[in-house]
Protein backbone atom coordinates (compact mmCIF):
# COMPACT_ATOMS: atom_id res chain seq x y z
CA MET A 1 -84.56 117.50 3.83
CA GLU A 2 -85.04 117.97 7.54
CA SER A 3 -82.61 119.53 9.84
CA ILE A 4 -79.75 117.23 11.02
CA ARG A 5 -81.10 117.63 14.57
CA GLN A 6 -83.68 115.02 13.44
CA LEU A 7 -80.80 112.57 12.48
CA TYR A 8 -78.76 112.75 15.42
CA ARG A 9 -80.79 111.64 18.59
CA ILE A 10 -79.47 111.69 22.06
CA GLY A 11 -81.28 108.81 23.94
CA HIS A 12 -81.41 105.21 25.38
CA GLY A 13 -80.73 102.21 23.59
CA PRO A 14 -81.26 99.60 22.22
CA SER A 15 -83.15 100.69 19.17
CA SER A 16 -84.01 103.82 17.69
CA SER A 17 -86.90 102.54 15.83
CA HIS A 18 -88.24 99.91 18.52
CA THR A 19 -87.54 101.94 21.82
CA MET A 20 -87.13 105.61 20.84
CA GLY A 21 -89.73 105.79 18.47
CA PRO A 22 -92.53 103.93 20.08
CA LYS A 23 -91.84 105.61 23.48
CA LYS A 24 -91.91 109.10 21.43
CA ALA A 25 -95.20 108.06 19.90
CA ALA A 26 -96.84 106.82 23.29
CA GLU A 27 -95.78 110.20 24.93
CA ARG A 28 -97.62 111.92 22.17
CA PHE A 29 -100.56 110.04 22.24
CA LEU A 30 -100.68 110.25 26.15
CA THR A 31 -100.58 114.07 26.01
CA LYS A 32 -103.44 114.22 23.81
CA ASN A 33 -105.41 111.73 26.10
CA ALA A 34 -104.22 112.38 29.49
CA SER A 35 -107.98 112.01 30.66
CA ALA A 36 -108.31 108.45 29.49
CA LYS A 37 -108.72 105.47 31.92
CA LYS A 38 -107.06 102.76 30.01
CA PHE A 39 -104.76 102.35 26.88
CA GLU A 40 -104.38 99.59 24.46
CA VAL A 41 -101.33 99.17 21.97
CA VAL A 42 -101.06 96.95 19.00
CA LEU A 43 -97.74 96.42 17.53
CA TYR A 44 -97.28 95.11 14.00
CA GLY A 45 -94.95 93.58 11.82
CA SER A 46 -91.15 94.22 12.79
CA LEU A 47 -92.10 95.87 15.99
CA ALA A 48 -94.13 92.79 17.12
CA ALA A 49 -91.57 90.37 15.75
CA THR A 50 -88.62 91.67 17.53
CA GLY A 51 -90.07 93.92 20.20
CA LEU A 52 -89.47 91.89 23.28
CA GLY A 53 -85.62 91.79 22.27
CA HIS A 54 -85.57 95.20 21.62
CA LEU A 55 -87.54 96.52 24.78
CA THR A 56 -90.46 98.15 22.86
CA ASP A 57 -93.05 96.91 25.43
CA LYS A 58 -90.79 98.40 28.27
CA ALA A 59 -90.62 101.75 26.39
CA ILE A 60 -94.39 101.84 26.01
CA THR A 61 -95.30 100.55 29.59
CA GLU A 62 -92.94 103.03 31.04
CA THR A 63 -94.76 105.91 29.37
CA PHE A 64 -98.21 104.33 30.46
CA LYS A 65 -96.99 103.44 33.93
CA ASN A 66 -100.03 105.52 35.83
CA TYR A 67 -102.53 103.83 33.63
CA THR A 68 -103.60 100.26 32.73
CA CYS A 69 -102.13 99.48 29.38
CA ASP A 70 -102.38 96.20 27.19
CA ILE A 71 -100.14 95.33 24.55
CA HIS A 72 -100.95 93.27 21.67
CA TRP A 73 -98.48 91.43 19.34
CA GLU A 74 -99.28 90.80 15.63
CA PRO A 75 -96.03 89.99 13.95
CA ALA A 76 -97.63 88.53 10.90
CA THR A 77 -99.43 92.10 10.04
CA PHE A 78 -97.61 94.69 8.02
CA LEU A 79 -99.39 97.80 7.55
CA HIS A 80 -98.87 99.58 4.31
CA LYS A 81 -96.91 102.46 5.05
CA HIS A 82 -93.90 100.80 7.06
CA PRO A 83 -92.99 97.55 8.84
CA ASN A 84 -92.70 99.28 12.26
CA ALA A 85 -96.33 100.34 12.86
CA LEU A 86 -98.17 100.51 16.09
CA LYS A 87 -101.84 101.42 16.91
CA PHE A 88 -102.87 103.27 20.04
CA ILE A 89 -106.31 103.08 21.61
CA ALA A 90 -107.38 105.25 24.56
CA TYR A 91 -110.60 104.27 26.58
CA ASP A 92 -112.66 106.56 28.80
CA LYS A 93 -114.09 105.60 32.09
CA ASN A 94 -117.22 103.80 30.55
CA ASN A 95 -114.74 101.66 28.26
CA ASN A 96 -115.73 103.51 25.47
CA ILE A 97 -113.13 104.38 22.89
CA GLN A 98 -111.85 107.83 23.18
CA ASP A 99 -109.10 108.19 20.58
CA GLU A 100 -107.22 106.05 18.03
CA TRP A 101 -103.82 106.57 16.29
CA ILE A 102 -101.82 104.57 13.92
CA ALA A 103 -98.16 105.50 14.07
CA TYR A 104 -95.07 104.52 12.08
CA SER A 105 -91.66 104.39 13.66
CA ILE A 106 -89.39 104.71 10.38
CA GLY A 107 -85.97 104.80 11.67
CA GLY A 108 -83.63 106.95 13.99
CA GLY A 109 -86.39 107.62 16.44
CA THR A 110 -88.62 109.48 13.73
CA ILE A 111 -92.53 108.96 14.09
CA ILE A 112 -94.98 109.78 11.22
CA ASP A 113 -98.57 108.89 10.60
CA ASP A 114 -100.95 108.40 7.55
CA GLU A 115 -101.29 112.08 7.47
CA THR A 116 -97.52 113.11 7.66
CA GLU A 117 -94.32 112.22 5.97
CA SER A 118 -91.94 113.96 8.47
CA GLU A 119 -91.89 115.34 12.10
CA THR A 120 -90.75 118.72 11.07
CA LYS A 121 -90.71 121.08 7.92
CA GLU A 122 -87.87 120.70 5.74
CA ILE A 123 -85.13 123.44 5.72
CA TYR A 124 -82.77 122.50 3.12
CA PRO A 125 -83.46 123.47 -0.58
CA HIS A 126 -81.88 120.49 -2.06
CA SER A 127 -82.63 116.75 -1.83
CA ASN A 128 -79.57 114.80 -3.10
CA LEU A 129 -75.86 115.19 -3.08
CA HIS A 130 -75.29 115.99 -6.72
CA GLU A 131 -77.32 119.31 -6.20
CA ILE A 132 -75.65 120.16 -3.06
CA MET A 133 -72.25 119.82 -4.67
CA ASP A 134 -73.37 122.05 -7.41
CA TRP A 135 -74.22 124.53 -4.83
CA CYS A 136 -71.00 124.21 -2.88
CA ASN A 137 -69.02 124.85 -6.38
CA GLN A 138 -70.89 127.83 -7.36
CA ASN A 139 -70.53 129.48 -3.50
CA GLY A 140 -66.67 128.09 -3.16
CA ASN A 141 -68.01 126.36 0.11
CA GLN A 142 -67.51 123.00 2.01
CA PHE A 143 -70.23 120.68 2.85
CA TRP A 144 -70.11 121.90 6.59
CA GLU A 145 -70.63 125.54 5.28
CA TYR A 146 -73.66 124.46 3.33
CA VAL A 147 -75.05 122.86 6.77
CA GLU A 148 -74.23 126.21 8.52
CA GLU A 149 -75.82 128.26 5.82
CA PHE A 150 -79.22 126.52 6.18
CA GLU A 151 -79.11 125.39 9.80
CA GLY A 152 -77.77 128.67 11.20
CA GLU A 153 -74.89 128.93 13.88
CA GLU A 154 -76.89 127.77 16.57
CA ILE A 155 -76.28 124.03 14.99
CA TRP A 156 -72.82 124.02 16.29
CA SER A 157 -74.02 124.12 19.89
CA PHE A 158 -76.30 121.17 19.12
CA LEU A 159 -73.45 119.24 17.53
CA GLU A 160 -71.16 120.03 20.38
CA GLU A 161 -73.75 118.06 22.61
CA VAL A 162 -73.76 115.49 20.37
CA TRP A 163 -69.99 115.03 20.27
CA LYS A 164 -69.81 115.42 23.97
CA GLU A 165 -72.27 112.17 24.32
CA MET A 166 -70.64 110.38 21.87
CA GLN A 167 -67.21 110.62 23.76
CA ASN A 168 -69.27 109.82 27.09
CA SER A 169 -70.56 106.60 25.59
CA VAL A 170 -67.08 105.50 24.61
CA LYS A 171 -65.94 106.35 27.94
CA ARG A 172 -68.62 104.59 29.92
CA GLY A 173 -68.49 101.51 27.49
CA LEU A 174 -64.57 101.19 28.08
CA SER A 175 -65.19 101.16 31.88
CA ARG A 176 -67.71 98.20 32.12
CA ASP A 177 -67.51 94.77 31.68
CA GLY A 178 -69.99 91.59 32.51
CA VAL A 179 -72.58 90.33 30.58
CA LEU A 180 -75.14 91.96 28.43
CA PRO A 181 -78.80 91.68 29.13
CA GLY A 182 -80.78 89.28 27.39
CA SER A 183 -81.04 85.71 26.35
CA LEU A 184 -77.70 85.42 24.67
CA LYS A 185 -75.54 86.14 27.73
CA LEU A 186 -72.99 88.02 25.51
CA PRO A 187 -70.04 89.04 27.27
CA ARG A 188 -68.92 92.91 27.13
CA LYS A 189 -65.42 93.07 24.85
CA ALA A 190 -64.70 96.71 24.71
CA GLU A 191 -62.55 96.97 27.92
CA SER A 192 -60.64 93.99 27.30
CA TYR A 193 -59.96 94.80 23.57
CA PHE A 194 -58.79 98.29 24.54
CA SER A 195 -56.40 96.88 27.39
CA LYS A 196 -54.95 94.21 25.24
CA GLY A 197 -54.49 96.99 22.53
CA LYS A 198 -52.02 98.94 24.59
CA ASN A 199 -49.50 95.91 24.40
CA TYR A 200 -49.11 95.93 20.75
CA ALA A 201 -47.26 97.60 18.10
CA THR A 202 -48.68 101.01 16.61
CA PRO A 203 -50.67 99.52 13.56
CA PHE A 204 -52.13 96.43 15.64
CA LYS A 205 -52.75 99.10 18.76
CA ARG A 206 -54.50 101.68 16.57
CA ARG A 207 -57.07 99.10 15.05
CA SER A 208 -57.54 97.36 18.51
CA GLN A 209 -58.62 100.78 19.89
CA LEU A 210 -60.51 101.52 16.97
CA PHE A 211 -62.38 98.41 17.53
CA SER A 212 -63.00 98.79 21.30
CA TYR A 213 -64.47 102.39 20.70
CA ALA A 214 -67.22 100.97 18.42
CA LEU A 215 -67.67 98.01 20.72
CA ALA A 216 -67.92 100.31 23.66
CA VAL A 217 -70.82 102.40 22.27
CA SER A 218 -72.59 99.40 20.83
CA GLU A 219 -72.51 97.63 24.00
CA GLU A 220 -73.76 100.60 25.94
CA ASN A 221 -76.76 100.62 23.65
CA ALA A 222 -77.18 97.09 23.83
CA SER A 223 -77.53 97.55 27.75
CA GLY A 224 -80.03 100.41 27.40
CA GLY A 225 -77.49 102.89 28.11
CA LYS A 226 -77.28 106.65 26.72
CA ILE A 227 -75.86 106.89 23.36
CA VAL A 228 -76.43 109.01 20.17
CA ALA A 229 -78.46 107.33 17.09
CA ALA A 230 -75.98 108.07 14.41
CA PRO A 231 -78.33 107.50 12.40
CA THR A 232 -79.84 104.79 14.49
CA CYS A 233 -79.24 103.26 17.75
CA GLY A 234 -78.12 99.91 16.21
CA ALA A 235 -75.56 101.63 14.25
CA CYS A 236 -74.49 104.02 16.87
CA GLY A 237 -70.89 102.75 17.40
CA VAL A 238 -69.75 103.57 13.80
CA MET A 239 -69.47 107.44 14.08
CA PRO A 240 -67.95 107.72 17.75
CA ALA A 241 -65.35 105.11 16.97
CA VAL A 242 -63.89 107.11 13.93
CA LEU A 243 -64.05 110.53 15.50
CA VAL A 244 -62.65 109.51 18.88
CA ASN A 245 -59.81 107.75 16.99
CA ALA A 246 -59.21 110.73 14.89
CA LYS A 247 -58.92 112.79 17.93
CA LYS A 248 -56.54 110.41 19.65
CA VAL A 249 -54.29 109.57 16.58
CA TYR A 250 -54.29 112.76 14.68
CA ASP A 251 -55.14 115.19 17.55
CA SER A 252 -58.03 116.59 15.47
CA SER A 253 -59.57 119.69 17.23
CA LYS A 254 -63.09 120.15 18.37
CA THR A 255 -63.83 122.46 15.83
CA SER A 256 -62.65 120.27 12.84
CA ILE A 257 -64.70 117.31 14.44
CA LEU A 258 -67.86 119.32 14.83
CA ARG A 259 -67.51 120.26 11.15
CA ALA A 260 -66.89 116.57 10.45
CA LEU A 261 -70.24 115.68 12.29
CA ALA A 262 -72.14 118.29 10.06
CA THR A 263 -70.83 116.71 6.96
CA ALA A 264 -71.72 113.36 8.00
CA GLY A 265 -75.24 114.40 9.15
CA LEU A 266 -75.78 115.61 5.58
CA ILE A 267 -74.83 112.22 4.11
CA GLY A 268 -76.94 110.57 6.65
CA ASN A 269 -79.97 113.16 5.85
CA ILE A 270 -79.63 112.25 2.21
CA VAL A 271 -79.92 108.51 2.67
CA LYS A 272 -83.18 109.05 4.90
CA LYS A 273 -84.60 111.42 2.53
CA ASN A 274 -84.30 109.31 -0.73
CA ALA A 275 -84.09 105.73 0.69
CA SER A 276 -84.34 104.47 4.40
CA ILE A 277 -82.20 104.09 7.52
CA SER A 278 -84.39 101.67 9.07
CA GLY A 279 -83.52 97.83 9.03
CA ALA A 280 -87.19 96.93 9.16
CA GLU A 281 -87.61 98.51 5.80
CA VAL A 282 -84.31 97.97 3.93
CA GLY A 283 -82.27 95.83 6.15
CA CYS A 284 -78.86 96.71 7.86
CA GLN A 285 -77.48 98.25 4.92
CA GLY A 286 -79.66 101.34 5.76
CA GLU A 287 -78.47 101.25 9.34
CA VAL A 288 -74.76 100.33 9.43
CA GLY A 289 -74.31 100.87 5.83
CA THR A 290 -75.43 104.73 6.33
CA ALA A 291 -73.23 105.06 9.39
CA CYS A 292 -70.40 103.70 7.51
CA ALA A 293 -71.12 106.31 4.73
CA MET A 294 -71.28 109.14 7.29
CA ALA A 295 -68.25 107.96 9.08
CA SER A 296 -66.18 107.65 5.79
CA ALA A 297 -67.38 111.27 4.86
CA ALA A 298 -66.38 112.53 8.27
CA GLY A 299 -62.98 111.03 8.26
CA THR A 300 -62.12 112.14 4.80
CA GLN A 301 -63.08 115.78 5.68
CA LEU A 302 -60.84 115.64 8.79
CA MET A 303 -57.80 114.50 6.61
CA GLY A 304 -58.44 117.38 4.45
CA GLY A 305 -60.32 115.96 1.45
CA THR A 306 -62.04 117.81 -1.02
CA ILE A 307 -65.93 117.53 -1.57
CA TYR A 308 -65.33 115.16 -4.59
CA GLN A 309 -62.94 113.02 -2.21
CA ILE A 310 -65.51 113.32 0.31
CA GLU A 311 -68.52 112.24 -2.01
CA TYR A 312 -66.27 109.25 -3.10
CA ALA A 313 -65.69 108.22 0.46
CA ALA A 314 -69.38 108.21 1.28
CA GLU A 315 -70.34 106.21 -1.77
CA MET A 316 -67.83 103.41 -0.77
CA GLY A 317 -69.27 103.41 2.74
CA LEU A 318 -72.71 102.57 1.26
CA GLU A 319 -71.78 100.63 -1.63
CA HIS A 320 -69.78 98.16 0.26
CA HIS A 321 -72.84 97.37 2.28
CA LEU A 322 -75.37 96.71 -0.20
CA GLY A 323 -77.47 93.75 0.39
CA LEU A 324 -76.50 93.58 4.17
CA THR A 325 -79.58 92.05 6.04
CA CYS A 326 -80.96 92.76 9.34
CA ASP A 327 -80.96 89.46 11.22
CA PRO A 328 -80.53 90.23 14.77
CA VAL A 329 -80.24 86.87 16.70
CA ALA A 330 -82.96 86.40 19.51
CA GLY A 331 -84.29 89.72 18.45
CA LEU A 332 -81.38 91.36 20.33
CA VAL A 333 -79.23 94.32 19.05
CA GLN A 334 -76.22 92.39 19.92
CA ILE A 335 -75.42 89.66 17.14
CA PRO A 336 -74.35 90.50 14.51
CA CYS A 337 -74.93 94.11 15.26
CA ILE A 338 -72.19 94.95 17.77
CA GLU A 339 -69.46 93.60 15.50
CA ARG A 340 -70.91 94.96 12.45
CA ASN A 341 -70.41 98.41 14.16
CA ALA A 342 -66.67 97.59 14.86
CA PHE A 343 -65.98 96.55 11.12
CA ALA A 344 -68.00 99.44 9.67
CA ALA A 345 -65.77 101.69 11.58
CA GLU A 346 -62.60 100.13 10.25
CA ARG A 347 -63.94 100.00 6.96
CA ALA A 348 -64.60 103.74 7.14
CA VAL A 349 -61.10 104.57 7.83
CA ALA A 350 -60.09 102.37 4.88
CA HIS A 351 -62.57 104.43 2.68
CA THR A 352 -60.75 107.66 3.96
CA THR A 353 -57.38 106.36 2.96
CA PHE A 354 -58.67 105.16 -0.48
CA ALA A 355 -60.54 108.43 -1.31
CA ILE A 356 -57.58 110.70 -0.01
CA ILE A 357 -55.14 108.73 -2.41
CA SER A 358 -57.49 109.50 -5.31
CA ASP A 359 -58.38 112.50 -7.13
CA GLY A 360 -62.01 111.94 -6.14
CA ARG A 361 -63.10 110.78 -9.74
CA HIS A 362 -65.20 107.58 -10.12
CA ARG A 363 -68.03 106.06 -12.00
CA ILE A 364 -70.81 105.49 -9.76
CA SER A 365 -72.02 108.52 -7.76
CA PHE A 366 -73.23 108.54 -4.17
CA ASP A 367 -76.87 109.18 -5.23
CA GLU A 368 -76.97 106.50 -7.49
CA VAL A 369 -75.76 103.85 -4.62
CA VAL A 370 -78.65 105.48 -2.34
CA GLU A 371 -81.14 104.68 -4.99
CA THR A 372 -79.92 101.19 -5.42
CA MET A 373 -79.56 100.46 -1.66
CA TYR A 374 -83.47 101.43 -1.45
CA LYS A 375 -84.32 99.25 -4.25
CA THR A 376 -82.10 96.33 -2.83
CA GLY A 377 -83.81 96.82 0.67
CA ILE A 378 -87.32 96.55 -1.06
CA ASP A 379 -86.49 93.60 -2.91
CA LEU A 380 -85.25 91.83 0.32
CA GLN A 381 -87.72 89.11 1.61
CA SER A 382 -89.16 90.32 5.15
CA GLN A 383 -87.22 87.62 6.99
CA TYR A 384 -84.19 89.60 6.23
CA ARG A 385 -85.59 92.83 7.46
CA GLU A 386 -85.41 92.94 11.30
CA THR A 387 -88.08 90.31 11.92
CA SER A 388 -85.42 87.63 13.24
CA MET A 389 -87.30 85.05 10.99
CA GLY A 390 -84.14 84.38 8.74
CA GLY A 391 -80.50 84.35 8.09
CA LEU A 392 -78.30 84.36 11.33
CA ALA A 393 -81.40 84.95 13.54
CA LYS A 394 -82.46 81.17 12.67
CA HIS A 395 -79.97 79.83 14.79
CA LYS A 396 -81.40 80.99 17.97
CA ALA A 397 -85.29 81.37 19.05
CA LEU A 398 -86.89 84.38 19.75
CA PRO A 399 -88.40 85.11 23.12
CA LYS A 400 -92.12 84.61 23.33
CA SER A 401 -94.23 87.41 23.28
C-alpha cells in the first residue's frame, strides 16, 4: 500500500476525482508540454457526465489559462480502466499533435494512466487488515504504531497539518451562511444547526453539534473551499466531525487525535488498495462508506478500543453503507452528499459505542466487507455511479455541457 499521505489530500472542493485529479493531471501534462501553443482535453464517462456540476472544466481551464484550451464532453464513452477518464492533446505552432496522454482520476485526487497503477511506490508490506493485525499481535503494537513503523516519525508533522486544516474547515463552515453555488440554490445549514444546538439539553445538543461540524466541512467543499479529502472531497465532512466532536466532548489530546488519524488512514488505504474510493467506480459506498469506516475506527481508538474492537467498528462503518449509490442531484456535490456526511458521522459515533461495549468478536471481517463492497459497486448499473443519470438525480436535470 502507498503512504497515507496519498489518502489525506489538502485542497479545494468540490470533488477530489473531478477537480483535484483533473487539475493535477492537467498540470502534469502542461509541465511536459510547456512549449505547446494549444491544448485539447476530452472528458469521458463520469467526468463528462457530471463535470460541469463538479467544476471539472474550471479546474482544467485555470491550469491552461495562458493557452488556448478546448474541452470536449463524451459522457457516453467509458474507457476500459476507470469511468473517470480524460485525454490531453498538445498542438505545436503548426497545429500538429505534439503529445497525447490518457489519464484516469481514480478517486481521492489520485491520477494513474495506462502504464501505471499508482502515483508513488508502496511502503507497506501488507495489503489487508488481517495481515496487519497479525503483525500488530506479533509485535505487541497498535495500528498507529504500525503506521509509524513504515511511514517514519515524519508522518506526525504531516498529520498535524491535516488536523489543522480539518479544524479550520469546520471553523470556516460554521461562520458562513447564504446559498451554495449551483443550480439547486441550496442554503447553508451548518451555522444555524450549531446555534440552535446550544439551546438544547446535552444529548440533543451533542448530536446537533456533530451534525453541524459535518455540514460545515461539506458545505465548504461544495463551495470550492479548502478541505481535506478523507478519503475524498465528497466524503470530507465525516472525519473532521467525529474528531472535532471528540476533542470537544472528551477533551481528546492532539497526540491521541493524530494517532487516530493514522489508524483511520490505514483503514482508508486498505479500501483504496483492495476495492475503490471512487464514486464513479463503486458508488457512494466507496466514498461516504469508507469515510464512515475510517471515522468509526478513529473514534474507537480514541475511546481506548483494542485492535479487535477498532476492526469491528471499521467493519460496521463500511458494512452498513453497502449498496449506497452515487446519484448527485444536478451533478453537484450537495444533494444527497452533504446530509450523507452528517449521518455517516453520527453512525461512526454509534459504531464506536457498539464496538467498545463488545469484546471485538464478530462473524464478518473488515476485509470480507471490503471485497463485498467492491463487487457490489461493480455490479451497480452505471446510472448509479456518479453519472447523475439515475436515483435521486433523475429528479433534477443536469446542466448542459
